[in-house]
Amino acid sequence: MAGFYKGLQSAGAAVWWRLDGVGRPYNTIFTATWGLLAGGLVVAAPVVFLFIKDTTPIEADLRDTDETQVDVEPVAEGAGKGEKGV
């Protein structure tokens, strides 16, 4: 995902550099920048709202690892080995 973002960032920088080089007014470049930002937010909104989760179940988090739920459960301070804290 970061590579995709950096690619778009570089392409955008090249476009704005060229627009500035051919003498386009700064208001045009400013408006185009905000237009692309708004368009990018529209494209990113489904990803943000549909695929990014606020929490991950412990079972899904431990999938494909060697750890078990007992290995990662928090232990209260002062509890002995094998004892669960409150």
PDB file of N, CA and C in Angstrom:
ATOM      1  N   MET A   1       0.822  -1.188   0.000  1.00  0.00           N
ATOM      2  CA  MET A   1       0.000   0.000   0.000  1.00  0.00           C
ATOM      3  C   MET A   1       0.867   1.253   0.000  1.00  0.00           C
ATOM      4  N   ALA A   2       1.960   1.224   0.747  1.00  0.00           N
ATOM      5  CA  ALA A   2       2.830   2.399   0.810  1.00  0.00           C
ATOM      6  C   ALA A   2       3.475   2.664  -0.553  1.00  0.00           C
ATOM      7  N   GLY A   3       3.836   1.605  -1.259  1.00  0.00           N
ATOM      8  CA  GLY A   3       4.424   1.779  -2.586  1.00  0.00           C
ATOM      9  C   GLY A   3       3.453   2.419  -3.561  1.00  0.00           C
ATOM     10  N   PHE A   4       2.195   2.017  -3.492  1.00  0.00           N
ATOM     11  CA  PHE A   4       1.155   2.606  -4.337  1.00  0.00           C
ATOM     12  C   PHE A   4       1.015   4.092  -4.040  1.00  0.00           C
ATOM     13  N   TYR A   5       0.971   4.425  -2.755  1.00  0.00           N
ATOM     14  CA  TYR A   5       0.850   5.819  -2.345  1.00  0.00           C
ATOM     15  C   TYR A   5       2.048   6.637  -2.836  1.00  0.00           C
ATOM     16  N   LYS A   6       3.265   6.100  -2.629  1.00  0.00           N
ATOM     17  CA  LYS A   6       4.463   6.838  -3.027  1.00  0.00           C
ATOM     18  C   LYS A   6       4.528   7.019  -4.547  1.00  0.00           C
ATOM     19  N   GLY A   7       4.038   6.053  -5.284  1.00  0.00           N
ATOM     20  CA  GLY A   7       3.989   6.187  -6.741  1.00  0.00           C
ATOM     21  C   GLY A   7       3.066   7.306  -7.171  1.00  0.00           C
ATOM     22  N   LEU A   8       1.889   7.349  -6.564  1.00  0.00           N
ATOM     23  CA  LEU A   8       0.947   8.431  -6.878  1.00  0.00           C
ATOM     24  C   LEU A   8       1.492   9.783  -6.433  1.00  0.00           C
ATOM     25  N   GLN A   9       2.153   9.800  -5.300  1.00  0.00           N
ATOM     26  CA  GLN A   9       2.732  11.051  -4.802  1.00  0.00           C
ATOM     27  C   GLN A   9       3.780  11.576  -5.779  1.00  0.00           C
ATOM     28  N   SER A  10       4.619  10.709  -6.286  1.00  0.00           N
ATOM     29  CA  SER A  10       5.653  11.114  -7.232  1.00  0.00           C
ATOM     30  C   SER A  10       5.045  11.590  -8.546  1.00  0.00           C
ATOM     31  N   ALA A  11       4.029  10.894  -9.017  1.00  0.00           N
ATOM     32  CA  ALA A  11       3.367  11.311 -10.257  1.00  0.00           C
ATOM     33  C   ALA A  11       2.706  12.673 -10.079  1.00  0.00           C
ATOM     34  N   GLY A  12       2.047  12.873  -8.939  1.00  0.00           N
ATOM     35  CA  GLY A  12       1.427  14.170  -8.671  1.00  0.00           C
ATOM     36  C   GLY A  12       2.451  15.283  -8.593  1.00  0.00           C
ATOM     37  N   ALA A  13       3.583  15.015  -7.969  1.00  0.00           N
ATOM     38  CA  ALA A  13       4.636  16.027  -7.863  1.00  0.00           C
ATOM     39  C   ALA A  13       5.170  16.392  -9.247  1.00  0.00           C
ATOM     40  N   ALA A  14       5.303  15.410 -10.132  1.00  0.00           N
ATOM     41  CA  ALA A  14       5.782  15.688 -11.484  1.00  0.00           C
ATOM     42  C   ALA A  14       4.784  16.549 -12.247  1.00  0.00           C
ATOM     43  N   VAL A  15       3.495  16.253 -12.081  1.00  0.00           N
ATOM     44  CA  VAL A  15       2.459  17.049 -12.759  1.00  0.00           C
ATOM     45  C   VAL A  15       2.473  18.485 -12.251  1.00  0.00           C
ATOM     46  N   TRP A  16       2.536  18.663 -10.951  1.00  0.00           N
ATOM     47  CA  TRP A  16       2.506  20.035 -10.410  1.00  0.00           C
ATOM     48  C   TRP A  16       3.776  20.793 -10.777  1.00  0.00           C
ATOM     49  N   TRP A  17       4.908  20.099 -10.821  1.00  0.00           N
ATOM     50  CA  TRP A  17       6.160  20.736 -11.225  1.00  0.00           C
ATOM     51  C   TRP A  17       6.038  21.238 -12.662  1.00  0.00           C
ATOM     52  N   ARG A  18       5.441  20.409 -13.526  1.00  0.00           N
ATOM     53  CA  ARG A  18       5.279  20.811 -14.929  1.00  0.00           C
ATOM     54  C   ARG A  18       4.278  21.947 -15.059  1.00  0.00           C
ATOM     55  N   LEU A  19       3.162  21.890 -14.345  1.00  0.00           N
ATOM     56  CA  LEU A  19       2.189  22.979 -14.402  1.00  0.00           C
ATOM     57  C   LEU A  19       2.821  24.296 -13.964  1.00  0.00           C
ATOM     58  N   ASP A  20       3.646  24.233 -12.941  1.00  0.00           N
ATOM     59  CA  ASP A  20       4.341  25.424 -12.489  1.00  0.00           C
ATOM     60  C   ASP A  20       5.360  25.874 -13.531  1.00  0.00           C
ATOM     61  N   GLY A  21       6.011  24.921 -14.183  1.00  0.00           N
ATOM     62  CA  GLY A  21       7.025  25.246 -15.185  1.00  0.00           C
ATOM     63  C   GLY A  21       6.473  25.918 -16.421  1.00  0.00           C
ATOM     64  N   VAL A  22       5.255  25.571 -16.821  1.00  0.00           N
ATOM     65  CA  VAL A  22       4.662  26.192 -18.011  1.00  0.00           C
ATOM     66  C   VAL A  22       3.925  27.482 -17.670  1.00  0.00           C
ATOM     67  N   GLY A  23       3.981  27.874 -16.413  1.00  0.00           N
ATOM     68  CA  GLY A  23       3.447  29.179 -16.028  1.00  0.00           C
ATOM     69  C   GLY A  23       1.963  29.213 -15.717  1.00  0.00           C
ATOM     70  N   ARG A  24       1.397  28.094 -15.333  1.00  0.00           N
ATOM     71  CA  ARG A  24      -0.016  28.115 -14.936  1.00  0.00           C
ATOM     72  C   ARG A  24      -0.170  28.955 -13.675  1.00  0.00           C
ATOM     73  N   PRO A  25      -1.304  29.644 -13.546  1.00  0.00           N
ATOM     74  CA  PRO A  25      -1.513  30.445 -12.329  1.00  0.00           C
ATOM     75  C   PRO A  25      -1.563  29.546 -11.088  1.00  0.00           C
ATOM     76  N   TYR A  26      -1.092  30.071  -9.975  1.00  0.00           N
ATOM     77  CA  TYR A  26      -1.063  29.285  -8.738  1.00  0.00           C
ATOM     78  C   TYR A  26      -2.466  28.911  -8.269  1.00  0.00           C
ATOM     79  N   ASN A  27      -3.449  29.744  -8.545  1.00  0.00           N
ATOM     80  CA  ASN A  27      -4.824  29.394  -8.161  1.00  0.00           C
ATOM     81  C   ASN A  27      -5.295  28.136  -8.883  1.00  0.00           C
ATOM     82  N   THR A  28      -4.873  27.960 -10.133  1.00  0.00           N
ATOM     83  CA  THR A  28      -5.229  26.752 -10.885  1.00  0.00           C
ATOM     84  C   THR A  28      -4.579  25.522 -10.253  1.00  0.00           C
ATOM     85  N   ILE A  29      -3.308  25.637  -9.929  1.00  0.00           N
ATOM     86  CA  ILE A  29      -2.600  24.518  -9.307  1.00  0.00           C
ATOM     87  C   ILE A  29      -3.204  24.203  -7.937  1.00  0.00           C
ATOM     88  N   PHE A  30      -3.522  25.240  -7.165  1.00  0.00           N
ATOM     89  CA  PHE A  30      -4.126  25.071  -5.841  1.00  0.00           C
ATOM     90  C   PHE A  30      -5.475  24.363  -5.952  1.00  0.00           C
ATOM     91  N   THR A  31      -6.300  24.791  -6.911  1.00  0.00           N
ATOM     92  CA  THR A  31      -7.618  24.178  -7.102  1.00  0.00           C
ATOM     93  C   THR A  31      -7.482  22.721  -7.544  1.00  0.00           C
ATOM     94  N   ALA A  32      -6.540  22.459  -8.451  1.00  0.00           N
ATOM     95  CA  ALA A  32      -6.329  21.086  -8.913  1.00  0.00           C
ATOM     96  C   ALA A  32      -5.858  20.198  -7.772  1.00  0.00           C
ATOM     97  N   THR A  33      -5.019  20.736  -6.894  1.00  0.00           N
ATOM     98  CA  THR A  33      -4.538  19.971  -5.749  1.00  0.00           C
ATOM     99  C   THR A  33      -5.699  19.577  -4.843  1.00  0.00           C
ATOM    100  N   TRP A  34      -6.554  20.517  -4.525  1.00  0.00           N
ATOM    101  CA  TRP A  34      -7.696  20.213  -3.665  1.00  0.00           C
ATOM    102  C   TRP A  34      -8.685  19.278  -4.350  1.00  0.00           C
ATOM    103  N   GLY A  35      -8.833  19.413  -5.672  1.00  0.00           N
ATOM    104  CA  GLY A  35      -9.708  18.503  -6.410  1.00  0.00           C
ATOM    105  C   GLY A  35      -9.214  17.072  -6.358  1.00  0.00           C
ATOM    106  N   LEU A  36      -7.905  16.885  -6.519  1.00  0.00           N
ATOM    107  CA  LEU A  36      -7.347  15.534  -6.429  1.00  0.00           C
ATOM    108  C   LEU A  36      -7.428  14.981  -5.012  1.00  0.00           C
ATOM    109  N   LEU A  37      -7.270  15.849  -4.030  1.00  0.00           N
ATOM    110  CA  LEU A  37      -7.423  15.406  -2.645  1.00  0.00           C
ATOM    111  C   LEU A  37      -8.842  14.905  -2.403  1.00  0.00           C
ATOM    112  N   ALA A  38      -9.826  15.667  -2.837  1.00  0.00           N
ATOM    113  CA  ALA A  38     -11.230  15.259  -2.660  1.00  0.00           C
ATOM    114  C   ALA A  38     -11.515  13.953  -3.399  1.00  0.00           C
ATOM    115  N   GLY A  39     -10.992  13.835  -4.623  1.00  0.00           N
ATOM    116  CA  GLY A  39     -11.178  12.595  -5.379  1.00  0.00           C
ATOM    117  C   GLY A  39     -10.519  11.412  -4.698  1.00  0.00           C
ATOM    118  N   GLY A  40      -9.347  11.627  -4.148  1.00  0.00           N
ATOM    119  CA  GLY A  40      -8.655  10.559  -3.432  1.00  0.00           C
ATOM    120  C   GLY A  40      -9.409  10.114  -2.194  1.00  0.00           C
ATOM    121  N   LEU A  41     -10.015  11.064  -1.495  1.00  0.00           N
ATOM    122  CA  LEU A  41     -10.808  10.708  -0.315  1.00  0.00           C
ATOM    123  C   LEU A  41     -12.049   9.908  -0.693  1.00  0.00           C
ATOM    124  N   VAL A  42     -12.649  10.240  -1.821  1.00  0.00           N
ATOM    125  CA  VAL A  42     -13.816   9.478  -2.287  1.00  0.00           C
ATOM    126  C   VAL A  42     -13.408   8.043  -2.617  1.00  0.00           C
ATOM    127  N   VAL A  43     -12.243   7.878  -3.240  1.00  0.00           N
ATOM    128  CA  VAL A  43     -11.767   6.536  -3.583  1.00  0.00           C
ATOM    129  C   VAL A  43     -11.373   5.763  -2.320  1.00  0.00           C
ATOM    130  N   ALA A  44     -10.780   6.446  -1.342  1.00  0.00           N
ATOM    131  CA  ALA A  44     -10.312   5.778  -0.126  1.00  0.00           C
ATOM    132  C   ALA A  44     -11.433   5.493   0.869  1.00  0.00           C
ATOM    133  N   ALA A  45     -12.533   6.202   0.796  1.00  0.00           N
ATOM    134  CA  ALA A  45     -13.614   6.048   1.777  1.00  0.00           C
ATOM    135  C   ALA A  45     -14.135   4.610   1.887  1.00  0.00           C
ATOM    136  N   PRO A  46     -14.394   3.906   0.781  1.00  0.00           N
ATOM    137  CA  PRO A  46     -14.862   2.521   0.935  1.00  0.00           C
ATOM    138  C   PRO A  46     -13.860   1.624   1.649  1.00  0.00           C
ATOM    139  N   VAL A  47     -12.582   1.822   1.384  1.00  0.00           N
ATOM    140  CA  VAL A  47     -11.558   1.022   2.060  1.00  0.00           C
ATOM    141  C   VAL A  47     -11.595   1.303   3.554  1.00  0.00           C
ATOM    142  N   VAL A  48     -11.653   2.559   3.907  1.00  0.00           N
ATOM    143  CA  VAL A  48     -11.643   2.939   5.322  1.00  0.00           C
ATOM    144  C   VAL A  48     -12.876   2.408   6.038  1.00  0.00           C
ATOM    145  N   PHE A  49     -14.030   2.572   5.452  1.00  0.00           N
ATOM    146  CA  PHE A  49     -15.266   2.217   6.148  1.00  0.00           C
ATOM    147  C   PHE A  49     -15.622   0.736   6.068  1.00  0.00           C
ATOM    148  N   LEU A  50     -15.150   0.021   5.061  1.00  0.00           N
ATOM    149  CA  LEU A  50     -15.537  -1.381   4.903  1.00  0.00           C
ATOM    150  C   LEU A  50     -14.480  -2.381   5.372  1.00  0.00           C
ATOM    151  N   PHE A  51     -13.208  -2.026   5.275  1.00  0.00           N
ATOM    152  CA  PHE A  51     -12.174  -3.022   5.527  1.00  0.00           C
ATOM    153  C   PHE A  51     -11.345  -2.786   6.783  1.00  0.00           C
ATOM    154  N   ILE A  52     -11.294  -1.576   7.290  1.00  0.00           N
ATOM    155  CA  ILE A  52     -10.503  -1.310   8.482  1.00  0.00           C
ATOM    156  C   ILE A  52     -11.387  -1.544   9.695  1.00  0.00           C
ATOM    157  N   LYS A  53     -10.938  -2.415  10.572  1.00  0.00           N
ATOM    158  CA  LYS A  53     -11.724  -2.771  11.753  1.00  0.00           C
ATOM    159  C   LYS A  53     -11.130  -2.111  12.985  1.00  0.00           C
ATOM    160  N   ASP A  54     -11.990  -1.812  13.944  1.00  0.00           N
ATOM    161  CA  ASP A  54     -11.554  -1.171  15.174  1.00  0.00           C
ATOM    162  C   ASP A  54     -10.863  -2.161  16.102  1.00  0.00           C
ATOM    163  N   THR A  55     -11.290  -3.419  16.062  1.00  0.00           N
ATOM    164  CA  THR A  55     -10.694  -4.453  16.914  1.00  0.00           C
ATOM    165  C   THR A  55     -10.478  -5.721  16.096  1.00  0.00           C
ATOM    166  N   THR A  56      -9.622  -6.584  16.607  1.00  0.00           N
ATOM    167  CA  THR A  56      -9.370  -7.877  15.980  1.00  0.00           C
ATOM    168  C   THR A  56      -9.604  -8.957  17.022  1.00  0.00           C
ATOM    169  N   PRO A  57     -10.426  -9.953  16.721  1.00  0.00           N
ATOM    170  CA  PRO A  57     -10.623 -11.048  17.673  1.00  0.00           C
ATOM    171  C   PRO A  57      -9.296 -11.774  17.933  1.00  0.00           C
ATOM    172  N   ILE A  58      -9.114 -12.247  19.131  1.00  0.00           N
ATOM    173  CA  ILE A  58      -7.861 -12.904  19.516  1.00  0.00           C
ATOM    174  C   ILE A  58      -7.588 -14.130  18.649  1.00  0.00           C
ATOM    175  N   GLU A  59      -8.646 -14.837  18.250  1.00  0.00           N
ATOM    176  CA  GLU A  59      -8.470 -16.027  17.415  1.00  0.00           C
ATOM    177  C   GLU A  59      -7.880 -15.647  16.059  1.00  0.00           C
ATOM    178  N   ALA A  60      -8.368 -14.559  15.475  1.00  0.00           N
ATOM    179  CA  ALA A  60      -7.850 -14.120  14.181  1.00  0.00           C
ATOM    180  C   ALA A  60      -6.429 -13.590  14.317  1.00  0.00           C
ATOM    181  N   ASP A  61      -6.137 -12.954  15.428  1.00  0.00           N
ATOM    182  CA  ASP A  61      -4.814 -12.402  15.649  1.00  0.00           C
ATOM    183  C   ASP A  61      -3.771 -13.494  15.830  1.00  0.00           C
ATOM    184  N   LEU A  62      -4.162 -14.609  16.418  1.00  0.00           N
ATOM    185  CA  LEU A  62      -3.224 -15.702  16.673  1.00  0.00           C
ATOM    186  C   LEU A  62      -3.139 -16.712  15.537  1.00  0.00           C
ATOM    187  N   ARG A  63      -3.997 -16.567  14.543  1.00  0.00           N
ATOM    188  CA  ARG A  63      -3.977 -17.496  13.421  1.00  0.00           C
ATOM    189  C   ARG A  63      -2.606 -17.442  12.746  1.00  0.00           C
ATOM    190  N   ASP A  64      -2.090 -18.570  12.349  1.00  0.00           N
ATOM    191  CA  ASP A  64      -0.784 -18.712  11.686  1.00  0.00           C
ATOM    192  C   ASP A  64       0.390 -18.339  12.592  1.00  0.00           C
ATOM    193  N   THR A  65       0.219 -18.471  13.899  1.00  0.00           N
ATOM    194  CA  THR A  65       1.336 -18.265  14.826  1.00  0.00           C
ATOM    195  C   THR A  65       1.465 -19.510  15.693  1.00  0.00           C
ATOM    196  N   ASP A  66       2.546 -19.599  16.436  1.00  0.00           N
ATOM    197  CA  ASP A  66       2.753 -20.728  17.338  1.00  0.00           C
ATOM    198  C   ASP A  66       2.216 -20.440  18.729  1.00  0.00           C
ATOM    199  N   GLU A  67       1.732 -19.231  18.978  1.00  0.00           N
ATOM    200  CA  GLU A  67       1.254 -18.871  20.308  1.00  0.00           C
ATOM    201  C   GLU A  67      -0.193 -19.317  20.501  1.00  0.00           C
ATOM    202  N   THR A  68      -0.548 -19.506  21.760  1.00  0.00           N
ATOM    203  CA  THR A  68      -1.924 -19.831  22.108  1.00  0.00           C
ATOM    204  C   THR A  68      -2.519 -18.664  22.864  1.00  0.00           C
ATOM    205  N   GLN A  69      -3.802 -18.733  23.104  1.00  0.00           N
ATOM    206  CA  GLN A  69      -4.472 -17.653  23.818  1.00  0.00           C
ATOM    207  C   GLN A  69      -3.915 -17.508  25.235  1.00  0.00           C
ATOM    208  N   VAL A  70      -3.563 -18.624  25.859  1.00  0.00           N
ATOM    209  CA  VAL A  70      -3.001 -18.583  27.208  1.00  0.00           C
ATOM    210  C   VAL A  70      -1.657 -17.851  27.204  1.00  0.00           C
ATOM    211  N   ASP A  71      -0.877 -18.010  26.129  1.00  0.00           N
ATOM    212  CA  ASP A  71       0.429 -17.352  26.046  1.00  0.00           C
ATOM    213  C   ASP A  71       0.324 -15.831  26.008  1.00  0.00           C
ATOM    214  N   VAL A  72      -0.733 -15.304  25.445  1.00  0.00           N
ATOM    215  CA  VAL A  72      -0.818 -13.861  25.241  1.00  0.00           C
ATOM    216  C   VAL A  72      -1.790 -13.152  26.172  1.00  0.00           C
ATOM    217  N   GLU A  73      -2.515 -13.901  26.991  1.00  0.00           N
ATOM    218  CA  GLU A  73      -3.432 -13.257  27.927  1.00  0.00           C
ATOM    219  C   GLU A  73      -2.654 -12.440  28.945  1.00  0.00           C
ATOM    220  N   PRO A  74      -3.168 -11.275  29.296  1.00  0.00           N
ATOM    221  CA  PRO A  74      -2.463 -10.467  30.297  1.00  0.00           C
ATOM    222  C   PRO A  74      -2.523 -11.127  31.670  1.00  0.00           C
ATOM    223  N   VAL A  75      -1.446 -10.972  32.415  1.00  0.00           N
ATOM    224  CA  VAL A  75      -1.365 -11.496  33.774  1.00  0.00           C
ATOM    225  C   VAL A  75      -1.266 -10.299  34.706  1.00  0.00           C
ATOM    226  N   ALA A  76      -2.075 -10.307  35.752  1.00  0.00           N
ATOM    227  CA  ALA A  76      -2.061  -9.187  36.698  1.00  0.00           C
ATOM    228  C   ALA A  76      -0.741  -9.156  37.437  1.00  0.00           C
ATOM    229  N   GLU A  77      -0.328  -7.969  37.817  1.00  0.00           N
ATOM    230  CA  GLU A  77       0.887  -7.812  38.572  1.00  0.00           C
ATOM    231  C   GLU A  77       0.772  -8.530  39.907  1.00  0.00           C
ATOM    232  N   GLY A  78       1.785  -9.257  40.288  1.00  0.00           N
ATOM    233  CA  GLY A  78       1.782  -9.939  41.580  1.00  0.00           C
ATOM    234  C   GLY A  78       1.228 -11.342  41.519  1.00  0.00           C
ATOM    235  N   ALA A  79       0.627 -11.730  40.393  1.00  0.00           N
ATOM    236  CA  ALA A  79       0.093 -13.101  40.285  1.00  0.00           C
ATOM    237  C   ALA A  79       1.256 -14.049  40.014  1.00  0.00           C
ATOM    238  N   GLY A  80       1.205 -15.214  40.620  1.00  0.00           N
ATOM    239  CA  GLY A  80       2.254 -16.208  40.417  1.00  0.00           C
ATOM    240  C   GLY A  80       2.140 -16.854  39.055  1.00  0.00           C
ATOM    241  N   LYS A  81       3.130 -17.650  38.703  1.00  0.00           N
ATOM    242  CA  LYS A  81       3.126 -18.321  37.418  1.00  0.00           C
ATOM    243  C   LYS A  81       1.939 -19.277  37.331  1.00  0.00           C
ATOM    244  N   GLY A  82       1.207 -19.193  36.248  1.00  0.00           N
ATOM    245  CA  GLY A  82       0.056 -20.064  36.049  1.00  0.00           C
ATOM    246  C   GLY A  82      -1.209 -19.531  36.702  1.00  0.00           C
ATOM    247  N   GLU A  83      -1.120 -18.481  37.470  1.00  0.00           N
ATOM    248  CA  GLU A  83      -2.304 -17.910  38.096  1.00  0.00           C
ATOM    249  C   GLU A  83      -2.761 -16.718  37.297  1.00  0.00           C
ATOM    250  N   LYS A  84      -4.045 -16.618  37.119  1.00  0.00           N
ATOM    251  CA  LYS A  84      -4.588 -15.483  36.399  1.00  0.00           C
ATOM    252  C   LYS A  84      -4.924 -14.381  37.378  1.00  0.00           C
ATOM    253  N   GLY A  85      -4.581 -13.181  36.996  1.00  0.00           N
ATOM    254  CA  GLY A  85      -4.935 -12.037  37.838  1.00  0.00           C
ATOM    255  C   GLY A  85      -6.355 -11.595  37.598  1.00  0.00           C
ATOM    256  N   VAL A  86      -6.822 -10.739  38.433  1.00  0.00           N
ATOM    257  CA  VAL A  86      -8.193 -10.236  38.310  1.00  0.00           C
ATOM    258  C   VAL A  86      -8.203  -8.947  37.561  1.00  0.00           C
TER     259      VAL A  86
END
